Protein backbone atom coordinates (compact mmCIF):
# COMPACT_ATOMS: atom_id res chain seq x y z
CA MET A 1 55.58 -27.25 -8.64
CA ASP A 2 56.96 -29.19 -5.66
CA LYS A 3 54.31 -31.29 -3.93
CA LYS A 4 53.28 -30.94 -0.32
CA PHE A 5 50.82 -33.51 1.04
CA ALA A 6 48.28 -33.10 3.83
CA ILE A 7 47.24 -36.44 5.32
CA LEU A 8 43.88 -36.31 7.10
CA GLY A 9 42.31 -39.14 9.05
CA ASP A 10 39.49 -39.95 11.45
CA ILE A 11 37.52 -36.84 10.56
CA HIS A 12 34.45 -38.47 12.10
CA SER A 13 31.81 -36.02 10.87
CA ASN A 14 33.38 -33.09 12.76
CA ILE A 15 32.87 -30.18 10.36
CA ASP A 16 34.18 -27.59 12.83
CA ALA A 17 37.54 -29.33 13.14
CA LEU A 18 37.74 -30.15 9.43
CA ASN A 19 37.22 -26.55 8.33
CA VAL A 20 39.99 -25.33 10.65
CA VAL A 21 42.34 -28.03 9.34
CA LEU A 22 41.62 -27.12 5.71
CA ASP A 23 42.25 -23.45 6.41
CA ASP A 24 45.60 -24.41 7.89
CA CYS A 25 46.39 -26.62 4.89
CA ARG A 26 45.91 -23.65 2.58
CA ALA A 27 48.15 -21.51 4.78
CA GLN A 28 50.81 -24.26 4.71
CA GLY A 29 50.85 -24.41 0.90
CA VAL A 30 49.40 -27.92 0.56
CA THR A 31 49.13 -29.14 -3.04
CA ASP A 32 47.67 -32.63 -2.52
CA PHE A 33 45.44 -34.36 0.02
CA LEU A 34 45.35 -37.96 1.25
CA CYS A 35 42.79 -39.46 3.63
CA THR A 36 43.26 -42.48 5.91
CA GLY A 37 39.54 -43.08 6.38
CA ASP A 38 36.71 -42.76 8.89
CA VAL A 39 35.22 -39.69 7.29
CA VAL A 40 31.97 -40.42 9.17
CA GLY A 41 30.96 -41.53 12.67
CA TYR A 42 30.80 -40.06 16.20
CA ASN A 43 29.97 -36.45 15.30
CA ALA A 44 26.94 -34.75 13.77
CA CYS A 45 27.93 -33.62 10.24
CA PRO A 46 28.56 -36.72 8.11
CA ARG A 47 27.11 -35.32 4.88
CA GLU A 48 28.97 -32.03 5.13
CA CYS A 49 32.29 -33.76 5.77
CA LEU A 50 31.73 -36.27 2.98
CA GLU A 51 30.94 -33.47 0.55
CA ILE A 52 34.19 -31.71 1.40
CA ILE A 53 36.38 -34.80 1.16
CA ARG A 54 34.79 -35.90 -2.12
CA GLY A 55 35.26 -32.37 -3.43
CA LEU A 56 38.99 -32.59 -2.79
CA GLY A 57 39.17 -35.49 -5.25
CA CYS A 58 41.83 -37.14 -3.14
CA PRO A 59 42.66 -40.81 -2.46
CA VAL A 60 40.60 -42.11 0.49
CA VAL A 61 40.69 -45.54 2.14
CA MET A 62 37.97 -47.37 4.03
CA GLY A 63 37.74 -46.79 7.77
CA ASN A 64 35.82 -49.06 10.10
CA HIS A 65 33.03 -46.50 10.59
CA ASP A 66 32.83 -45.92 6.84
CA HIS A 67 32.45 -49.69 6.48
CA TYR A 68 29.89 -50.19 9.24
CA VAL A 69 27.74 -47.28 8.10
CA SER A 70 27.66 -48.41 4.46
CA SER A 71 27.21 -52.15 5.08
CA GLU A 72 24.40 -54.29 6.42
CA GLN A 73 26.46 -55.44 9.38
CA ASN A 74 24.42 -56.28 12.45
CA LEU A 75 25.21 -53.94 15.36
CA ALA A 76 23.95 -56.14 18.22
CA ASP A 77 27.45 -56.73 19.59
CA PHE A 78 28.54 -53.09 19.34
CA ASN A 79 29.02 -50.61 22.13
CA PRO A 80 25.56 -49.01 22.43
CA ALA A 81 26.87 -45.46 21.86
CA ALA A 82 28.81 -46.49 18.75
CA ALA A 83 25.84 -48.45 17.42
CA ALA A 84 23.51 -45.50 17.98
CA VAL A 85 25.75 -43.18 15.94
CA ILE A 86 26.14 -45.70 13.13
CA GLU A 87 22.37 -46.15 12.89
CA TRP A 88 21.83 -42.38 13.01
CA THR A 89 24.48 -41.76 10.34
CA ARG A 90 22.91 -44.34 8.02
CA GLY A 91 19.74 -42.29 8.18
CA GLN A 92 21.53 -39.06 7.26
CA LEU A 93 23.24 -40.21 4.05
CA THR A 94 21.90 -40.46 0.53
CA GLU A 95 22.14 -43.63 -1.53
CA ASP A 96 24.96 -42.07 -3.55
CA GLU A 97 26.91 -41.24 -0.40
CA MET A 98 26.42 -44.76 0.97
CA THR A 99 27.65 -46.21 -2.34
CA TYR A 100 30.73 -43.96 -2.24
CA LEU A 101 31.63 -45.21 1.24
CA ALA A 102 30.94 -48.84 0.36
CA ASN A 103 33.30 -48.67 -2.62
CA LEU A 104 36.29 -47.22 -0.80
CA PRO A 105 39.38 -49.47 -0.96
CA PHE A 106 40.94 -50.86 2.20
CA VAL A 107 44.46 -50.11 0.92
CA LYS A 108 45.58 -47.53 -1.63
CA THR A 109 49.02 -46.75 -3.03
CA THR A 110 49.48 -43.47 -4.83
CA MET A 111 52.60 -41.55 -5.85
CA GLY A 112 54.77 -44.00 -3.90
CA ILE A 113 52.79 -43.59 -0.66
CA THR A 114 50.53 -46.26 0.84
CA LEU A 115 47.35 -45.49 2.78
CA VAL A 116 45.48 -47.85 5.11
CA HIS A 117 43.12 -47.16 7.99
CA SER A 118 44.45 -49.83 10.32
CA THR A 119 47.12 -52.32 9.14
CA MET A 120 48.09 -53.92 5.84
CA ASP A 121 48.41 -57.48 7.16
CA ASN A 122 44.64 -57.68 7.68
CA PRO A 123 43.09 -54.35 6.70
CA GLU A 124 39.50 -55.59 6.72
CA SER A 125 39.71 -56.58 10.40
CA PHE A 126 40.63 -53.06 11.58
CA GLY A 127 43.17 -54.12 14.19
CA TYR A 128 44.79 -51.51 16.42
CA VAL A 129 48.49 -50.69 16.57
CA PHE A 130 49.69 -49.12 19.82
CA ASP A 131 53.25 -50.44 20.00
CA HIS A 132 56.17 -51.67 17.90
CA LEU A 133 55.28 -55.32 18.39
CA GLN A 134 51.83 -54.79 16.88
CA ALA A 135 53.46 -52.94 13.98
CA GLU A 136 55.71 -55.92 13.11
CA ALA A 137 52.98 -57.83 11.24
CA HIS A 138 52.06 -54.75 9.23
CA PHE A 139 55.61 -54.13 8.02
CA SER A 140 55.80 -57.59 6.45
CA HIS A 141 53.16 -56.36 3.97
CA GLN A 142 54.36 -52.79 3.43
CA VAL A 143 56.17 -52.45 0.09
CA THR A 144 56.56 -48.68 -0.16
CA PRO A 145 58.97 -46.85 2.16
CA LEU A 146 56.12 -44.80 3.61
CA CYS A 147 52.62 -45.73 4.78
CA PHE A 148 50.16 -43.46 6.57
CA HIS A 149 47.35 -44.78 8.78
CA GLY A 150 44.91 -43.80 11.53
CA HIS A 151 42.32 -45.73 13.58
CA THR A 152 43.83 -45.24 17.08
CA HIS A 153 43.35 -41.44 16.90
CA CYS A 154 46.86 -41.08 18.40
CA PRO A 155 49.73 -39.66 16.30
CA MET A 156 52.76 -41.98 16.23
CA ILE A 157 55.74 -43.06 14.10
CA TYR A 158 56.83 -46.68 13.61
CA GLU A 159 60.22 -47.27 12.01
CA LYS A 160 61.38 -50.52 10.43
CA GLN A 161 65.10 -51.18 10.28
CA ILE A 162 66.79 -54.49 9.47
CA GLY A 163 65.75 -56.88 12.20
CA ALA A 164 63.90 -54.38 14.39
CA VAL A 165 60.85 -52.10 14.65
CA TYR A 166 60.91 -48.96 16.76
CA ARG A 167 58.11 -46.77 18.08
CA ILE A 168 58.87 -43.04 17.99
CA ASP A 169 56.66 -40.43 19.64
CA ALA A 170 55.01 -38.10 17.13
CA GLN A 171 57.38 -35.30 16.28
CA ASP A 172 58.51 -33.40 13.22
CA PHE A 173 60.78 -35.91 11.54
CA LYS A 174 63.06 -36.23 8.49
CA LEU A 175 62.81 -39.76 7.08
CA PRO A 176 66.20 -41.39 6.49
CA ILE A 177 66.62 -43.30 3.23
CA GLY A 178 66.66 -47.09 3.44
CA ARG A 179 64.07 -47.54 6.20
CA LYS A 180 60.32 -48.03 6.20
CA TYR A 181 57.87 -45.86 8.10
CA PHE A 182 54.31 -46.53 9.28
CA ILE A 183 52.95 -43.21 10.48
CA ASN A 184 49.73 -42.55 12.36
CA VAL A 185 48.52 -39.03 11.53
CA GLY A 186 46.13 -38.72 14.47
CA SER A 187 42.51 -37.61 14.27
CA VAL A 188 40.97 -34.48 12.83
CA GLY A 189 37.63 -34.98 14.53
CA GLN A 190 38.10 -36.96 17.75
CA PRO A 191 41.67 -36.99 19.16
CA ARG A 192 42.33 -39.57 21.89
CA ASP A 193 45.87 -38.77 23.01
CA GLY A 194 44.84 -36.33 25.73
CA ASP A 195 45.15 -33.31 23.43
CA PRO A 196 41.72 -32.13 22.19
CA ARG A 197 43.16 -30.11 19.29
CA ALA A 198 42.53 -31.37 15.76
CA ALA A 199 45.45 -33.39 14.37
CA TYR A 200 46.81 -34.04 10.91
CA ALA A 201 50.18 -34.42 9.19
CA LEU A 202 52.11 -32.81 6.36
CA TYR A 203 54.62 -34.61 4.13
CA ASN A 204 57.16 -32.95 1.83
CA PRO A 205 58.56 -35.66 -0.51
CA LYS A 206 61.38 -33.42 -1.72
CA THR A 207 62.84 -32.91 1.76
CA ARG A 208 61.38 -36.20 3.16
CA GLU A 209 60.00 -34.26 6.13
CA VAL A 210 56.88 -35.18 8.08
CA THR A 211 55.30 -32.45 10.19
CA PHE A 212 52.55 -33.04 12.76
CA ARG A 213 50.03 -30.23 13.12
CA ARG A 214 47.70 -29.54 16.10
CA LEU A 215 45.00 -26.89 15.84
CA GLU A 216 42.48 -25.32 18.16
CA TYR A 217 38.90 -25.38 16.89
CA ASP A 218 35.46 -24.54 18.27
CA VAL A 219 34.89 -27.62 20.43
CA ALA A 220 31.76 -26.11 21.99
CA ALA A 221 30.16 -25.76 18.55
CA ALA A 222 30.89 -29.40 17.73
CA GLN A 223 29.45 -30.45 21.10
CA GLU A 224 26.29 -28.46 20.48
CA ARG A 225 25.80 -30.15 17.11
CA ILE A 226 26.07 -33.57 18.81
CA ARG A 227 23.48 -32.61 21.43
CA LEU A 228 21.06 -31.11 18.92
CA ALA A 229 21.27 -34.32 16.87
CA GLY A 230 20.35 -36.35 19.96
CA LEU A 231 23.58 -38.36 19.90
CA PRO A 232 25.06 -39.82 23.12
CA GLU A 233 26.34 -37.19 25.54
CA ARG A 234 29.59 -39.11 26.01
CA LEU A 235 30.56 -38.18 22.45
CA ALA A 236 30.26 -34.48 23.23
CA GLU A 237 32.12 -34.73 26.52
CA ARG A 238 35.14 -36.57 25.14
CA LEU A 239 35.89 -33.84 22.59
CA GLU A 240 36.98 -31.39 25.27
CA ILE A 241 39.36 -33.85 26.97
CA GLY A 242 40.80 -35.55 23.88
CA ARG A 243 40.08 -39.09 25.14
């Protein structure tokens, strides 16, 4: 059977968005899943989302929220809203779930595809890539032709040719042979590109095609979960504006 990958990232405990994405994956004939990290954080269903992702048995890399939740890192210098969610999430997870998160790798290569949450030049620092100049350092460490990442919550394509790196707006794209690609798949659970719909990407290795998917989900239900959990109101509000 020909493979068709779904690449999910920045799920951020949003079970309503994740379920819609998985339904779409089944409709699209997905055979394999990959995850670019941040399964937890920001939203109100960390255990439910972790259970689903672990059940898929797919490669998953460490996101910054996965790391902060499962480590003893002091949160004194954090944004108060982010710190509040991290503390709350720590209290929701079992010891086994915390151990799972703590043992996630920062970089994973599988079937000729590399996964990282942020960048490969310094994956443990969780630096952001918003333009081609910031992608330059990453490409010096990327060995495979294709690497998927997340972290910014904004879908984007970065292309490495001899002597130059280009930023390409997210679009359905056929990857030419002989170039390297660093592709941000966007966020399932908290998009920040002005589009509140859940985002993920498909990859067909036979045709070398990447497809970006955007899906409506029940934002109001996700907001209600946040409010019932007593999490910061800002986290509920941003879901409906995609920022």
